[in-house]
PDB file of N, CA and C in Angstrom:
ATOM      1  N   MET A   1      47.609  37.032  22.312  1.00  0.00           N
ATOM      2  CA  MET A   1      46.392  38.212  22.651  1.00  0.00           C
ATOM      3  C   MET A   1      46.931  39.710  23.754  1.00  0.00           C
ATOM      4  N   ASN A   2      46.835  40.230  22.948  1.00  0.00           N
ATOM      5  CA  ASN A   2      47.727  41.213  23.357  1.00  0.00           C
ATOM      6  C   ASN A   2      47.023  42.273  23.761  1.00  0.00           C
ATOM      7  N   ASP A   3      45.632  42.448  23.407  1.00  0.00           N
ATOM      8  CA  ASP A   3      44.331  43.377  24.287  1.00  0.00           C
ATOM      9  C   ASP A   3      44.231  43.604  25.120  1.00  0.00           C
ATOM     10  N   PRO A   4      44.049  44.452  25.834  1.00  0.00           N
ATOM     11  CA  PRO A   4      44.377  45.362  27.018  1.00  0.00           C
ATOM     12  C   PRO A   4      42.958  44.687  27.459  1.00  0.00           C
ATOM     13  N   ALA A   5      42.003  44.776  26.845  1.00  0.00           N
ATOM     14  CA  ALA A   5      40.463  45.308  26.939  1.00  0.00           C
ATOM     15  C   ALA A   5      39.763  43.153  27.607  1.00  0.00           C
ATOM     16  N   ALA A   6      40.602  42.903  26.862  1.00  0.00           N
ATOM     17  CA  ALA A   6      40.712  40.807  27.134  1.00  0.00           C
ATOM     18  C   ALA A   6      41.261  40.738  28.011  1.00  0.00           C
ATOM     19  N   ARG A   7      42.894  41.258  28.409  1.00  0.00           N
ATOM     20  CA  ARG A   7      43.060  40.783  29.742  1.00  0.00           C
ATOM     21  C   ARG A   7      42.219  41.598  30.509  1.00  0.00           C
ATOM     22  N   ARG A   8      41.275  42.062  30.929  1.00  0.00           N
ATOM     23  CA  ARG A   8      41.229  43.147  32.206  1.00  0.00           C
ATOM     24  C   ARG A   8      39.908  41.834  32.263  1.00  0.00           C
ATOM     25  N   ASN A   9      38.850  41.217  31.356  1.00  0.00           N
ATOM     26  CA  ASN A   9      37.891  40.602  31.663  1.00  0.00           C
ATOM     27  C   ASN A   9      38.556  39.525  32.859  1.00  0.00           C
ATOM     28  N   PRO A  10      39.114  38.263  33.182  1.00  0.00           N
ATOM     29  CA  PRO A  10      39.196  38.186  34.104  1.00  0.00           C
ATOM     30  C   PRO A  10      39.258  38.220  35.679  1.00  0.00           C
ATOM     31  N   ARG A  11      39.933  39.291  35.220  1.00  0.00           N
ATOM     32  CA  ARG A  11      40.245  39.973  36.305  1.00  0.00           C
ATOM     33  C   ARG A  11      38.793  40.723  36.783  1.00  0.00           C
ATOM     34  N   ARG A  12      38.724  41.074  36.382  1.00  0.00           N
ATOM     35  CA  ARG A  12      36.601  41.960  36.413  1.00  0.00           C
ATOM     36  C   ARG A  12      36.633  40.899  37.042  1.00  0.00           C
ATOM     37  N   PHE A  13      36.536  39.800  36.475  1.00  0.00           N
ATOM     38  CA  PHE A  13      35.438  38.539  37.033  1.00  0.00           C
ATOM     39  C   PHE A  13      35.696  37.777  38.039  1.00  0.00           C
ATOM     40  N   ALA A  14      37.296  38.265  38.449  1.00  0.00           N
ATOM     41  CA  ALA A  14      37.325  37.692  39.650  1.00  0.00           C
ATOM     42  C   ALA A  14      37.165  39.072  41.078  1.00  0.00           C
ATOM     43  N   LEU A  15      37.573  39.990  40.527  1.00  0.00           N
ATOM     44  CA  LEU A  15      37.242  41.210  41.407  1.00  0.00           C
ATOM     45  C   LEU A  15      36.054  40.864  42.063  1.00  0.00           C
ATOM     46  N   TRP A  16      34.714  40.424  41.299  1.00  0.00           N
ATOM     47  CA  TRP A  16      33.513  40.402  41.600  1.00  0.00           C
ATOM     48  C   TRP A  16      33.225  39.533  42.216  1.00  0.00           C
ATOM     49  N   LEU A  17      34.397  38.428  42.557  1.00  0.00           N
ATOM     50  CA  LEU A  17      33.573  37.456  43.057  1.00  0.00           C
ATOM     51  C   LEU A  17      33.750  37.641  45.018  1.00  0.00           C
ATOM     52  N   LEU A  18      35.092  38.560  45.147  1.00  0.00           N
ATOM     53  CA  LEU A  18      34.699  39.003  46.369  1.00  0.00           C
ATOM     54  C   LEU A  18      33.614  39.830  47.006  1.00  0.00           C
ATOM     55  N   ALA A  19      33.107  39.839  46.402  1.00  0.00           N
ATOM     56  CA  ALA A  19      31.224  40.797  46.545  1.00  0.00           C
ATOM     57  C   ALA A  19      30.839  39.703  48.148  1.00  0.00           C
ATOM     58  N   ILE A  20      30.702  38.182  46.952  1.00  0.00           N
ATOM     59  CA  ILE A  20      29.670  37.133  47.457  1.00  0.00           C
ATOM     60  C   ILE A  20      29.931  37.079  48.684  1.00  0.00           C
ATOM     61  N   PRO A  21      31.560  36.781  49.628  1.00  0.00           N
ATOM     62  CA  PRO A  21      31.092  36.892  51.170  1.00  0.00           C
ATOM     63  C   PRO A  21      30.490  38.089  51.811  1.00  0.00           C
ATOM     64  N   PHE A  22      31.077  39.275  51.015  1.00  0.00           N
ATOM     65  CA  PHE A  22      30.024  40.789  51.824  1.00  0.00           C
ATOM     66  C   PHE A  22      28.097  40.372  51.937  1.00  0.00           C
ATOM     67  N   ILE A  23      27.978  40.335  50.700  1.00  0.00           N
ATOM     68  CA  ILE A  23      26.685  40.033  49.740  1.00  0.00           C
ATOM     69  C   ILE A  23      26.148  39.056  51.131  1.00  0.00           C
ATOM     70  N   ALA A  24      26.247  37.831  50.751  1.00  0.00           N
ATOM     71  CA  ALA A  24      26.166  36.339  52.351  1.00  0.00           C
ATOM     72  C   ALA A  24      25.962  37.009  53.301  1.00  0.00           C
ATOM     73  N   THR A  25      26.817  38.343  53.929  1.00  0.00           N
ATOM     74  CA  THR A  25      26.712  38.714  55.409  1.00  0.00           C
ATOM     75  C   THR A  25      25.628  39.650  55.638  1.00  0.00           C
ATOM     76  N   LEU A  26      25.491  40.219  54.786  1.00  0.00           N
ATOM     77  CA  LEU A  26      25.092  42.138  54.758  1.00  0.00           C
ATOM     78  C   LEU A  26      23.551  41.903  55.136  1.00  0.00           C
ATOM     79  N   PHE A  27      22.393  40.798  55.299  1.00  0.00           N
ATOM     80  CA  PHE A  27      21.934  40.751  56.211  1.00  0.00           C
ATOM     81  C   PHE A  27      21.713  40.202  57.554  1.00  0.00           C
ATOM     82  N   PRO A  28      21.324  40.359  57.976  1.00  0.00           N
ATOM     83  CA  PRO A  28      21.575  39.453  59.208  1.00  0.00           C
ATOM     84  C   PRO A  28      20.267  39.195  59.381  1.00  0.00           C
ATOM     85  N   GLN A  29      19.215  39.741  59.588  1.00  0.00           N
ATOM     86  CA  GLN A  29      17.693  39.228  59.723  1.00  0.00           C
ATOM     87  C   GLN A  29      17.491  37.946  59.077  1.00  0.00           C
ATOM     88  N   PHE A  30      17.932  37.824  57.817  1.00  0.00           N
ATOM     89  CA  PHE A  30      18.114  36.138  57.198  1.00  0.00           C
ATOM     90  C   PHE A  30      18.895  34.919  57.816  1.00  0.00           C
ATOM     91  N   TYR A  31      19.449  35.563  58.227  1.00  0.00           N
ATOM     92  CA  TYR A  31      20.044  34.548  59.312  1.00  0.00           C
ATOM     93  C   TYR A  31      20.806  34.464  60.394  1.00  0.00           C
ATOM     94  N   ALA A  32      19.923  35.246  61.254  1.00  0.00           N
ATOM     95  CA  ALA A  32      19.811  35.940  62.457  1.00  0.00           C
ATOM     96  C   ALA A  32      18.659  34.372  63.075  1.00  0.00           C
ATOM     97  N   HIS A  33      18.869  33.641  63.066  1.00  0.00           N
ATOM     98  CA  HIS A  33      17.923  32.629  63.680  1.00  0.00           C
ATOM     99  C   HIS A  33      19.099  31.831  64.886  1.00  0.00           C
ATOM    100  N   ALA A  34      18.530  30.450  65.771  1.00  0.00           N
ATOM    101  CA  ALA A  34      18.717  29.959  66.787  1.00  0.00           C
ATOM    102  C   ALA A  34      18.537  28.032  65.656  1.00  0.00           C
ATOM    103  N   GLU A  35      18.170  27.852  64.921  1.00  0.00           N
ATOM    104  CA  GLU A  35      18.302  26.704  64.381  1.00  0.00           C
ATOM    105  C   GLU A  35      18.286  26.994  63.004  1.00  0.00           C
ATOM    106  N   PRO A  36      18.956  26.121  62.401  1.00  0.00           N
ATOM    107  CA  PRO A  36      19.835  24.397  62.598  1.00  0.00           C
ATOM    108  C   PRO A  36      21.131  25.170  63.722  1.00  0.00           C
ATOM    109  N   SER A  37      21.167  24.327  64.645  1.00  0.00           N
ATOM    110  CA  SER A  37      21.891  24.666  65.158  1.00  0.00           C
ATOM    111  C   SER A  37      23.143  23.270  64.856  1.00  0.00           C
ATOM    112  N   VAL A  38      24.017  22.785  65.321  1.00  0.00           N
ATOM    113  CA  VAL A  38      25.643  22.448  64.848  1.00  0.00           C
ATOM    114  C   VAL A  38      26.064  22.375  66.272  1.00  0.00           C
ATOM    115  N   ALA A  39      26.353  21.298  66.366  1.00  0.00           N
ATOM    116  CA  ALA A  39      27.416  21.254  68.140  1.00  0.00           C
ATOM    117  C   ALA A  39      27.215  21.886  69.206  1.00  0.00           C
ATOM    118  N   GLY A  40      25.259  22.146  69.231  1.00  0.00           N
ATOM    119  CA  GLY A  40      24.693  22.977  70.199  1.00  0.00           C
ATOM    120  C   GLY A  40      25.642  24.211  69.894  1.00  0.00           C
ATOM    121  N   ILE A  41      26.018  25.086  68.492  1.00  0.00           N
ATOM    122  CA  ILE A  41      26.500  26.713  68.250  1.00  0.00           C
ATOM    123  C   ILE A  41      25.214  26.891  67.619  1.00  0.00           C
ATOM    124  N   PRO A  42      24.100  28.216  67.289  1.00  0.00           N
ATOM    125  CA  PRO A  42      23.584  28.438  67.514  1.00  0.00           C
ATOM    126  C   PRO A  42      23.172  28.746  65.779  1.00  0.00           C
ATOM    127  N   PHE A  43      22.779  28.549  64.386  1.00  0.00           N
ATOM    128  CA  PHE A  43      22.879  28.990  63.105  1.00  0.00           C
ATOM    129  C   PHE A  43      23.342  30.345  62.582  1.00  0.00           C
ATOM    130  N   PHE A  44      23.163  31.074  63.466  1.00  0.00           N
ATOM    131  CA  PHE A  44      23.639  32.543  63.346  1.00  0.00           C
ATOM    132  C   PHE A  44      25.074  31.971  63.571  1.00  0.00           C
ATOM    133  N   TYR A  45      25.649  31.842  64.661  1.00  0.00           N
ATOM    134  CA  TYR A  45      27.096  31.699  64.912  1.00  0.00           C
ATOM    135  C   TYR A  45      27.779  30.918  64.341  1.00  0.00           C
ATOM    136  N   TRP A  46      27.501  29.755  63.322  1.00  0.00           N
ATOM    137  CA  TRP A  46      28.390  28.811  62.220  1.00  0.00           C
ATOM    138  C   TRP A  46      28.215  28.944  61.162  1.00  0.00           C
ATOM    139  N   TYR A  47      27.204  29.969  60.874  1.00  0.00           N
ATOM    140  CA  TYR A  47      26.771  30.314  59.289  1.00  0.00           C
ATOM    141  C   TYR A  47      27.627  31.266  59.045  1.00  0.00           C
ATOM    142  N   GLN A  48      27.935  32.603  60.961  1.00  0.00           N
ATOM    143  CA  GLN A  48      29.252  33.628  59.925  1.00  0.00           C
ATOM    144  C   GLN A  48      30.348  32.704  59.995  1.00  0.00           C
ATOM    145  N   PHE A  49      31.038  32.256  61.203  1.00  0.00           N
ATOM    146  CA  PHE A  49      32.039  31.093  61.059  1.00  0.00           C
ATOM    147  C   PHE A  49      32.273  30.726  59.617  1.00  0.00           C
ATOM    148  N   VAL A  50      31.226  29.886  58.959  1.00  0.00           N
ATOM    149  CA  VAL A  50      31.608  29.090  57.984  1.00  0.00           C
ATOM    150  C   VAL A  50      31.923  30.569  56.412  1.00  0.00           C
ATOM    151  N   TRP A  51      31.489  31.571  57.077  1.00  0.00           N
ATOM    152  CA  TRP A  51      31.558  32.327  55.767  1.00  0.00           C
ATOM    153  C   TRP A  51      32.923  32.792  55.768  1.00  0.00           C
ATOM    154  N   ILE A  52      33.965  32.878  57.070  1.00  0.00           N
ATOM    155  CA  ILE A  52      35.227  33.528  57.453  1.00  0.00           C
ATOM    156  C   ILE A  52      35.887  32.707  56.617  1.00  0.00           C
ATOM    157  N   VAL A  53      35.894  31.282  56.795  1.00  0.00           N
ATOM    158  CA  VAL A  53      36.279  30.255  55.817  1.00  0.00           C
ATOM    159  C   VAL A  53      35.859  30.367  54.340  1.00  0.00           C
ATOM    160  N   LEU A  54      35.293  30.217  53.723  1.00  0.00           N
ATOM    161  CA  LEU A  54      35.147  30.840  52.278  1.00  0.00           C
ATOM    162  C   LEU A  54      35.330  31.616  51.753  1.00  0.00           C
ATOM    163  N   SER A  55      35.417  33.423  52.942  1.00  0.00           N
ATOM    164  CA  SER A  55      35.960  34.158  52.623  1.00  0.00           C
ATOM    165  C   SER A  55      37.451  33.992  52.425  1.00  0.00           C
ATOM    166  N   SER A  56      37.911  32.865  53.422  1.00  0.00           N
ATOM    167  CA  SER A  56      39.728  32.663  52.915  1.00  0.00           C
ATOM    168  C   SER A  56      39.529  32.098  51.732  1.00  0.00           C
ATOM    169  N   VAL A  57      38.877  31.452  51.021  1.00  0.00           N
ATOM    170  CA  VAL A  57      38.811  31.079  49.742  1.00  0.00           C
ATOM    171  C   VAL A  57      38.795  31.127  48.626  1.00  0.00           C
ATOM    172  N   VAL A  58      37.745  32.077  48.569  1.00  0.00           N
ATOM    173  CA  VAL A  58      37.378  32.769  47.959  1.00  0.00           C
ATOM    174  C   VAL A  58      38.711  34.367  47.479  1.00  0.00           C
ATOM    175  N   THR A  59      39.431  34.799  48.508  1.00  0.00           N
ATOM    176  CA  THR A  59      40.112  35.852  47.948  1.00  0.00           C
ATOM    177  C   THR A  59      41.910  34.817  47.787  1.00  0.00           C
ATOM    178  N   GLY A  60      42.587  33.337  47.955  1.00  0.00           N
ATOM    179  CA  GLY A  60      43.094  32.892  47.509  1.00  0.00           C
ATOM    180  C   GLY A  60      42.699  32.725  46.142  1.00  0.00           C
ATOM    181  N   ALA A  61      41.220  32.010  45.740  1.00  0.00           N
ATOM    182  CA  ALA A  61      40.958  32.083  44.232  1.00  0.00           C
ATOM    183  C   ALA A  61      41.504  33.053  43.133  1.00  0.00           C
ATOM    184  N   VAL A  62      40.535  34.523  44.139  1.00  0.00           N
ATOM    185  CA  VAL A  62      41.097  35.667  43.384  1.00  0.00           C
ATOM    186  C   VAL A  62      42.633  35.990  43.035  1.00  0.00           C
ATOM    187  N   TYR A  63      43.208  36.027  44.024  1.00  0.00           N
ATOM    188  CA  TYR A  63      44.565  36.549  44.565  1.00  0.00           C
ATOM    189  C   TYR A  63      45.294  35.617  43.230  1.00  0.00           C
ATOM    190  N   LEU A  64      44.878  33.614  43.044  1.00  0.00           N
ATOM    191  CA  LEU A  64      45.794  33.323  42.159  1.00  0.00           C
ATOM    192  C   LEU A  64      44.986  33.423  41.040  1.00  0.00           C
ATOM    193  N   ILE A  65      43.742  33.927  40.743  1.00  0.00           N
ATOM    194  CA  ILE A  65      43.734  34.407  38.771  1.00  0.00           C
ATOM    195  C   ILE A  65      44.198  35.991  38.706  1.00  0.00           C
ATOM    196  N   VAL A  66      43.953  37.055  39.239  1.00  0.00           N
ATOM    197  CA  VAL A  66      44.525  38.132  39.476  1.00  0.00           C
ATOM    198  C   VAL A  66      46.705  38.156  39.222  1.00  0.00           C
ATOM    199  N   ARG A  67      46.648  36.789  39.607  1.00  0.00           N
ATOM    200  CA  ARG A  67      48.438  37.043  40.194  1.00  0.00           C
ATOM    201  C   ARG A  67      48.489  36.683  38.592  1.00  0.00           C
ATOM    202  N   GLU A  68      47.761  35.487  38.051  1.00  0.00           N
ATOM    203  CA  GLU A  68      48.777  34.438  36.818  1.00  0.00           C
ATOM    204  C   GLU A  68      47.492  35.641  35.225  1.00  0.00           C
ATOM    205  N   ASP A  69      46.775  36.107  35.385  1.00  0.00           N
ATOM    206  CA  ASP A  69      46.682  38.032  34.361  1.00  0.00           C
ATOM    207  C   ASP A  69      47.933  38.811  34.581  1.00  0.00           C
ATOM    208  N   ASP A  70      48.444  38.598  35.819  1.00  0.00           N
ATOM    209  CA  ASP A  70      49.366  39.686  35.499  1.00  0.00           C
ATOM    210  C   ASP A  70      50.528  39.106  34.445  1.00  0.00           C
ATOM    211  N   ARG A  71      50.639  37.754  34.813  1.00  0.00           N
ATOM    212  CA  ARG A  71      51.806  37.884  34.095  1.00  0.00           C
ATOM    213  C   ARG A  71      52.063  37.801  32.900  1.00  0.00           C
TER     214      ARG A  71
END
């Protein structure tokens, strides 16, 4: 598998994964609500916090995919 185009496909897909957290928090009007609350924390705040954690997971996964692709 020495074809450079074939090697770029997984990398390109992995880099597109980085757009998911950005898009999920791009439009606050979709998640700017007080309910449902979790432990007294309004939805608006815990939704953003969940995306902080998920963004770290997505970034780590993309790093591993790109790193494996470079080897």
